[in-house]
Protein backbone atom coordinates (compact mmCIF):
# COMPACT_ATOMS: atom_id res chain seq x y z
CA MET A 1 100.89 -67.59 54.11
CA SER A 2 102.39 -68.50 57.48
CA ALA A 3 104.03 -71.79 58.45
CA ARG A 4 100.87 -72.54 60.42
CA ASP A 5 98.78 -72.05 57.30
CA VAL A 6 101.03 -74.49 55.44
CA ARG A 7 100.44 -77.12 58.08
CA ARG A 8 96.69 -76.61 57.78
CA THR A 9 96.86 -77.55 54.10
CA ARG A 10 98.86 -80.73 54.77
CA ARG A 11 98.19 -83.92 56.68
CA PRO A 12 98.97 -83.51 60.40
CA LEU A 13 102.60 -84.04 61.29
CA ALA A 14 103.59 -86.68 63.78
CA ARG A 15 105.36 -85.25 66.82
CA SER A 16 107.79 -88.15 66.82
CA VAL A 17 109.42 -88.66 63.43
CA LEU A 18 110.12 -92.25 62.44
CA LEU A 19 113.73 -92.67 61.30
CA ALA A 20 114.09 -88.92 60.89
CA THR A 21 116.56 -87.87 63.53
CA ALA A 22 117.95 -90.93 65.26
CA LEU A 23 120.52 -88.72 66.91
CA ALA A 24 120.37 -90.06 70.43
CA ALA A 25 121.69 -93.37 69.14
CA VAL A 26 124.59 -91.86 67.20
CA ALA A 27 127.96 -93.31 68.12
CA ALA A 28 131.47 -93.31 66.75
CA VAL A 29 132.26 -96.07 64.29
CA ALA A 30 135.55 -97.52 63.17
CA VAL A 31 137.17 -96.58 59.87
CA PRO A 32 138.52 -99.35 57.66
CA SER A 33 141.71 -100.90 59.03
CA GLY A 34 144.91 -99.52 57.59
CA ALA A 35 143.23 -96.29 56.53
CA ALA A 36 145.47 -93.91 58.46
CA SER A 37 144.26 -90.91 56.45
CA ALA A 38 140.59 -91.89 56.65
CA GLY A 39 139.95 -89.51 59.55
CA GLU A 40 136.98 -90.12 61.83
CA ALA A 41 133.53 -91.55 61.12
CA ALA A 42 130.18 -91.64 62.90
CA VAL A 43 126.70 -93.02 62.29
CA GLY A 44 124.43 -90.86 60.13
CA TYR A 45 120.67 -90.28 60.23
CA GLN A 46 117.64 -90.01 57.96
CA VAL A 47 115.34 -87.17 56.88
CA PRO A 48 111.70 -87.77 55.82
CA LEU A 49 109.44 -86.40 53.12
CA TYR A 50 105.86 -85.82 54.24
CA ALA A 51 102.72 -86.38 52.22
CA GLY A 52 100.94 -83.16 51.36
CA SER A 53 97.17 -83.05 51.00
CA GLY A 54 97.08 -80.95 47.84
CA VAL A 55 95.58 -82.45 44.69
CA GLY A 56 96.22 -81.47 41.09
CA THR A 57 98.95 -82.14 38.56
CA THR A 58 102.11 -80.07 38.30
CA SER A 59 105.33 -81.04 36.57
CA VAL A 60 108.93 -79.83 36.83
CA VAL A 61 111.36 -81.24 34.28
CA PRO A 62 114.97 -80.27 33.50
CA THR A 63 115.39 -77.28 31.22
CA ALA A 64 117.52 -77.51 28.08
CA ALA A 65 120.17 -75.42 29.83
CA ALA A 66 120.26 -77.78 32.80
CA THR A 67 120.53 -80.77 30.48
CA SER A 68 123.52 -79.33 28.64
CA ALA A 69 125.16 -78.13 31.87
CA ARG A 70 125.43 -81.68 33.20
CA SER A 71 127.53 -82.83 30.21
CA GLY A 72 130.65 -84.67 31.36
CA ARG A 73 129.31 -85.31 34.87
CA ALA A 74 128.92 -88.87 36.04
CA ALA A 75 128.66 -90.90 39.21
CA ASN A 76 128.11 -94.62 39.53
CA ILE A 77 125.17 -95.33 41.85
CA THR A 78 124.14 -98.88 42.72
CA VAL A 79 121.08 -99.98 44.68
CA THR A 80 120.35 -102.99 46.86
CA TYR A 81 116.56 -103.45 46.87
CA THR A 82 114.52 -105.05 49.63
CA GLY A 83 110.77 -105.48 49.27
CA PHE A 84 110.30 -103.63 45.97
CA SER A 85 108.00 -104.67 43.16
CA THR A 86 109.27 -104.62 39.57
CA ALA A 87 107.39 -101.38 38.91
CA ALA A 88 108.76 -99.73 42.04
CA LYS A 89 112.32 -100.74 41.12
CA ALA A 90 111.94 -99.29 37.64
CA SER A 91 110.70 -96.00 39.08
CA PHE A 92 113.54 -95.94 41.61
CA GLN A 93 116.10 -96.56 38.88
CA ARG A 94 114.83 -93.62 36.83
CA ALA A 95 115.47 -91.35 39.82
CA VAL A 96 118.92 -92.88 40.27
CA ASN A 97 119.73 -92.17 36.62
CA ILE A 98 118.88 -88.49 37.11
CA TRP A 99 121.26 -88.18 40.06
CA LYS A 100 123.98 -90.16 38.24
CA SER A 101 124.07 -87.48 35.56
CA ARG A 102 124.23 -84.60 38.04
CA LEU A 103 126.92 -85.81 40.42
CA ASN A 104 130.56 -86.50 39.73
CA SER A 105 132.58 -89.01 41.74
CA GLY A 106 135.17 -91.67 41.09
CA VAL A 107 133.82 -93.74 44.00
CA THR A 108 130.62 -95.76 43.63
CA VAL A 109 127.67 -94.52 45.71
CA LYS A 110 125.78 -97.48 47.18
CA ILE A 111 122.16 -97.20 48.33
CA ALA A 112 120.45 -99.72 50.62
CA ALA A 113 116.75 -99.28 49.81
CA ASN A 114 113.79 -100.77 51.67
CA TYR A 115 110.12 -100.75 50.69
CA THR A 116 108.30 -101.32 53.95
CA ASN A 117 105.58 -100.03 56.25
CA LEU A 118 107.16 -97.07 58.05
CA GLY A 119 104.48 -97.02 60.72
CA ASN A 120 103.54 -93.42 59.98
CA PRO A 121 100.85 -92.73 57.36
CA ASN A 122 102.19 -89.21 56.77
CA ILE A 123 105.73 -90.17 55.71
CA LEU A 124 106.30 -91.02 52.05
CA GLY A 125 109.96 -91.90 52.46
CA SER A 126 113.04 -91.29 54.56
CA ALA A 127 116.74 -91.35 53.73
CA GLY A 128 120.13 -90.11 54.77
CA PRO A 129 123.82 -90.95 54.97
CA THR A 130 124.71 -94.19 56.74
CA THR A 131 127.87 -92.53 58.04
CA VAL A 132 129.44 -89.08 58.22
CA HIS A 133 133.18 -88.36 58.08
CA LYS A 134 135.61 -85.65 59.13
CA ASN A 135 139.33 -84.82 58.92
CA PHE A 136 140.01 -87.34 56.16
CA ALA A 137 142.65 -86.81 53.49
CA GLY A 138 141.13 -84.52 50.88
CA ALA A 139 138.54 -82.92 53.19
CA PRO A 140 137.90 -79.34 52.01
CA LYS A 141 137.55 -78.19 55.66
CA GLN A 142 138.71 -79.67 58.93
CA ASN A 143 136.56 -80.38 61.99
CA VAL A 144 133.26 -80.57 60.13
CA TRP A 145 131.29 -83.67 59.12
CA TYR A 146 130.69 -84.65 55.48
CA VAL A 147 128.15 -87.26 54.36
CA ALA A 148 129.75 -90.51 53.25
CA ALA A 149 129.18 -90.12 49.50
CA ALA A 150 130.73 -86.62 49.40
CA ALA A 151 133.58 -87.65 51.72
CA ASN A 152 134.39 -90.62 49.48
CA LYS A 153 134.46 -88.37 46.43
CA ARG A 154 136.87 -85.98 48.13
CA ALA A 155 139.05 -88.75 49.55
CA GLY A 156 139.07 -90.68 46.30
CA SER A 157 138.42 -93.89 48.24
CA ASP A 158 135.63 -95.76 50.01
CA LEU A 159 136.03 -94.46 53.56
CA ASN A 160 133.08 -96.39 54.98
CA GLY A 161 134.08 -99.72 53.44
CA ALA A 162 133.34 -101.46 50.16
CA GLY A 163 130.55 -103.55 51.66
CA THR A 164 128.71 -100.67 53.34
CA ALA A 165 126.11 -98.47 51.68
CA GLU A 166 126.63 -94.71 51.73
CA ILE A 167 122.87 -94.05 51.79
CA GLN A 168 120.12 -95.81 53.72
CA ALA A 169 116.62 -95.20 52.32
CA SER A 170 113.14 -96.41 53.22
CA PHE A 171 109.84 -95.92 51.37
CA ASN A 172 106.39 -96.39 52.78
CA SER A 173 104.60 -99.48 51.49
CA SER A 174 101.42 -98.51 53.34
CA PHE A 175 100.47 -95.99 50.64
CA SER A 176 97.91 -97.43 48.23
CA ASN A 177 98.08 -94.48 45.84
CA TRP A 178 101.65 -94.61 44.56
CA HIS A 179 102.30 -93.77 40.92
CA PHE A 180 105.18 -95.88 39.58
CA GLY A 181 104.83 -95.01 35.90
CA SER A 182 107.16 -92.90 33.77
CA GLY A 183 104.49 -90.42 32.71
CA ALA A 184 102.66 -87.74 34.64
CA PRO A 185 100.89 -89.05 37.75
CA PRO A 186 97.14 -88.79 38.15
CA ALA A 187 95.98 -85.93 40.36
CA ASN A 188 95.22 -88.32 43.24
CA LYS A 189 98.49 -90.28 43.34
CA TYR A 190 101.96 -89.65 44.81
CA ASP A 191 104.77 -89.87 42.29
CA PHE A 192 107.25 -92.49 43.50
CA GLU A 193 110.11 -91.35 41.25
CA THR A 194 109.88 -87.84 42.72
CA VAL A 195 109.98 -89.19 46.28
CA VAL A 196 113.08 -91.27 45.49
CA LEU A 197 114.75 -88.29 43.82
CA HIS A 198 114.04 -86.20 46.93
CA GLU A 199 115.35 -88.77 49.37
CA ILE A 200 118.55 -89.42 47.45
CA GLY A 201 119.07 -85.65 47.70
CA HIS A 202 119.20 -85.99 51.48
CA GLY A 203 121.48 -89.00 51.21
CA VAL A 204 124.06 -87.12 49.14
CA GLY A 205 124.12 -84.17 51.49
CA LEU A 206 121.13 -81.85 51.57
CA LEU A 207 120.51 -81.97 55.32
CA SER A 208 121.67 -79.50 57.95
CA GLY A 209 122.46 -81.63 60.99
CA ILE A 210 120.50 -79.10 63.11
CA TYR A 211 118.02 -80.94 65.28
CA GLN A 212 115.78 -80.82 68.33
CA SER A 213 116.88 -82.43 71.58
CA GLY A 214 114.15 -82.28 74.19
CA SER A 215 113.04 -78.65 74.23
CA THR A 216 116.32 -77.30 72.82
CA ILE A 217 117.94 -77.03 69.40
CA ARG A 218 121.46 -78.23 68.63
CA TRP A 219 123.69 -78.17 65.55
CA ASP A 220 126.14 -80.99 66.39
CA PRO A 221 124.42 -84.15 65.06
CA VAL A 222 127.15 -86.42 66.39
CA GLY A 223 127.92 -84.38 69.51
CA GLY A 224 131.16 -82.69 70.49
CA ASN A 225 130.20 -79.28 69.06
CA VAL A 226 131.12 -80.40 65.52
CA PRO A 227 128.68 -79.38 62.76
CA LEU A 228 127.73 -80.97 59.46
CA ILE A 229 129.27 -79.00 56.59
CA THR A 230 125.86 -78.16 55.11
CA GLY A 231 124.71 -76.73 58.43
CA THR A 232 127.57 -74.24 58.51
CA PHE A 233 125.93 -72.34 55.64
CA VAL A 234 122.55 -71.98 57.38
CA VAL A 235 122.14 -68.38 58.56
CA ASN A 236 119.54 -66.09 60.14
CA ASN A 237 118.29 -62.87 58.58
CA ALA A 238 121.28 -61.02 60.03
CA ASN A 239 123.58 -63.41 58.12
CA LYS A 240 124.78 -65.05 61.34
CA ALA A 241 125.46 -68.77 60.98
CA LEU A 242 123.29 -70.86 63.26
CA THR A 243 126.33 -72.99 64.04
CA THR A 244 127.91 -69.96 65.75
CA PHE A 245 125.13 -69.85 68.38
CA ALA A 246 125.69 -71.80 71.59
CA ASN A 247 124.25 -75.30 71.34
CA GLY A 248 121.01 -75.58 73.29
CA SER A 249 120.72 -71.82 73.77
CA ALA A 250 117.49 -69.85 73.66
CA ALA A 251 119.04 -67.64 70.98
CA LEU A 252 119.64 -70.65 68.72
CA LYS A 253 116.06 -71.85 69.18
CA THR A 254 114.72 -68.39 68.36
CA ALA A 255 116.80 -68.21 65.20
CA ALA A 256 115.96 -71.77 64.12
CA THR A 257 112.21 -71.17 64.42
CA SER A 258 112.11 -67.59 63.13
CA GLY A 259 110.94 -68.33 59.61
CA GLN A 260 113.84 -66.13 58.52
CA VAL A 261 116.57 -68.67 57.75
CA PHE A 262 118.64 -68.87 54.56
CA PHE A 263 121.44 -70.86 52.92
CA ASN A 264 124.57 -68.77 52.48
CA GLY A 265 126.71 -71.12 50.40
CA PRO A 266 128.42 -69.33 47.49
CA GLN A 267 127.51 -71.96 44.90
CA ALA A 268 123.87 -72.06 45.97
CA LYS A 269 123.65 -68.26 45.87
CA ALA A 270 125.27 -68.11 42.45
CA ALA A 271 122.71 -70.61 41.15
CA ASN A 272 119.94 -68.46 42.65
CA GLY A 273 120.92 -65.21 40.98
CA GLY A 274 123.03 -64.09 43.95
CA ALA A 275 120.24 -64.45 46.50
CA LYS A 276 120.38 -66.81 49.47
CA PRO A 277 117.82 -69.64 49.10
CA ARG A 278 115.25 -69.63 51.88
CA VAL A 279 115.27 -72.57 54.32
CA PHE A 280 112.18 -74.15 55.95
CA ALA A 281 112.22 -72.84 59.55
CA PRO A 282 108.70 -72.90 61.05
CA ASN A 283 107.66 -72.30 64.64
CA PRO A 284 107.43 -74.70 66.35
CA PHE A 285 110.43 -76.67 65.13
CA GLN A 286 109.40 -79.69 63.05
CA PRO A 287 111.84 -82.57 63.70
CA GLY A 288 113.05 -84.12 60.48
CA SER A 289 111.77 -81.26 58.33
CA SER A 290 113.04 -77.99 59.82
CA LEU A 291 116.30 -76.61 58.41
CA SER A 292 116.92 -79.59 56.11
CA HIS A 293 114.54 -78.47 53.34
CA TRP A 294 113.86 -75.39 51.26
CA ASP A 295 110.95 -73.26 52.39
CA GLU A 296 107.56 -74.68 51.39
CA ASN A 297 105.86 -71.29 51.06
CA THR A 298 108.59 -69.78 48.89
CA TYR A 299 109.10 -72.72 46.51
CA ARG A 300 105.57 -73.91 45.87
CA ARG A 301 104.20 -76.61 43.60
CA GLY A 302 105.59 -76.19 40.09
CA ASN A 303 108.59 -74.11 41.17
CA ALA A 304 111.85 -75.24 39.53
CA ASN A 305 113.46 -75.65 42.97
CA SER A 306 110.57 -77.35 44.75
CA LEU A 307 112.00 -80.91 44.89
CA MET A 308 113.68 -80.44 48.27
CA THR A 309 110.77 -78.86 50.13
CA PRO A 310 109.33 -80.85 53.07
CA PHE A 311 105.98 -81.85 51.51
CA LEU A 312 104.95 -83.51 48.27
CA SER A 313 101.37 -83.28 47.07
CA GLN A 314 99.39 -85.76 45.03
CA GLY A 315 99.87 -85.22 41.32
CA GLU A 316 103.14 -83.36 41.88
CA ARG A 317 106.00 -84.59 39.68
CA ILE A 318 109.51 -83.12 39.98
CA LEU A 319 112.33 -84.59 37.89
CA ASN A 320 114.83 -81.77 38.38
CA PRO A 321 116.88 -81.44 41.60
CA GLY A 322 116.90 -77.67 41.11
CA ALA A 323 119.76 -75.29 40.40
CA PHE A 324 120.43 -74.12 43.92
CA THR A 325 120.06 -77.61 45.37
CA LEU A 326 122.93 -78.65 43.12
CA GLY A 327 124.78 -75.51 44.19
CA ALA A 328 124.25 -76.34 47.86
CA LEU A 329 125.66 -79.83 47.27
CA LYS A 330 128.76 -78.28 45.68
CA ASP A 331 129.12 -76.10 48.76
CA SER A 332 128.81 -79.24 50.89
CA GLY A 333 131.61 -81.24 49.31
CA TRP A 334 130.51 -82.17 45.81
């Protein structure tokens, strides 16, 4: 099935993505005063999850091996809720608890969550890092951006400030067919816990920083020819990193829309039996979805690694981030 065929089975995509790639407005921000080793910081951006049109129940839950593998891992995640019902909060918290047991950090991860009309009936939710950071004390690599939560973990301190959330997340209140319960969703409802789990995944680092600007593609989400760490592992079928192509070049656009794009991080590959996970790279480029998700055709409904694909269908419930998603996060600073 081609990328075009996938789009035919989903609701139409908006050409302008609400909150997805607010890159034109990105600007440098100050680090906390007195933090000489805090490096540099800049405003982050959000990535959406689109509603798929498929109907029918599927369920992905953690395997026994995955459950035992997370022993000893812990991260404190707190949420500030705006506009959520009691049921929606409970569903959100269940997703938070899953991520808490799969991440490890000595610095609290704060999420600012909003339940509001996103103005686009195709978007279930959208989230991303509030800030990105580079060249801080403890950074695994220099001159690349890390999302705030991963940067804080590596620095061992709250680089973006104790009063500032590391993740900004929004969920679409215009949907009338949300499923907030803890059991399997009906075939005609979207599972809220799954959507939250997906969006937190973007907030903690599964996003490439490769985006569309006008008719060109670029890999420096904050400008200055500096990539996001996750994006440095995104390669074409010749194993050439997309971040080594000239920004705005025709060659970069061809590679980014080839349908032959993979994630070359060592931890992600190890979790995928040595193979590079396939990245969503349709033609034309889909702002907010392309290169920041796993391939929809490869990791279909019911696949153990399907959480971080760009579409979620009705009745689809995924409570496992997926082995190579967790590997990719390790590659990206966790």
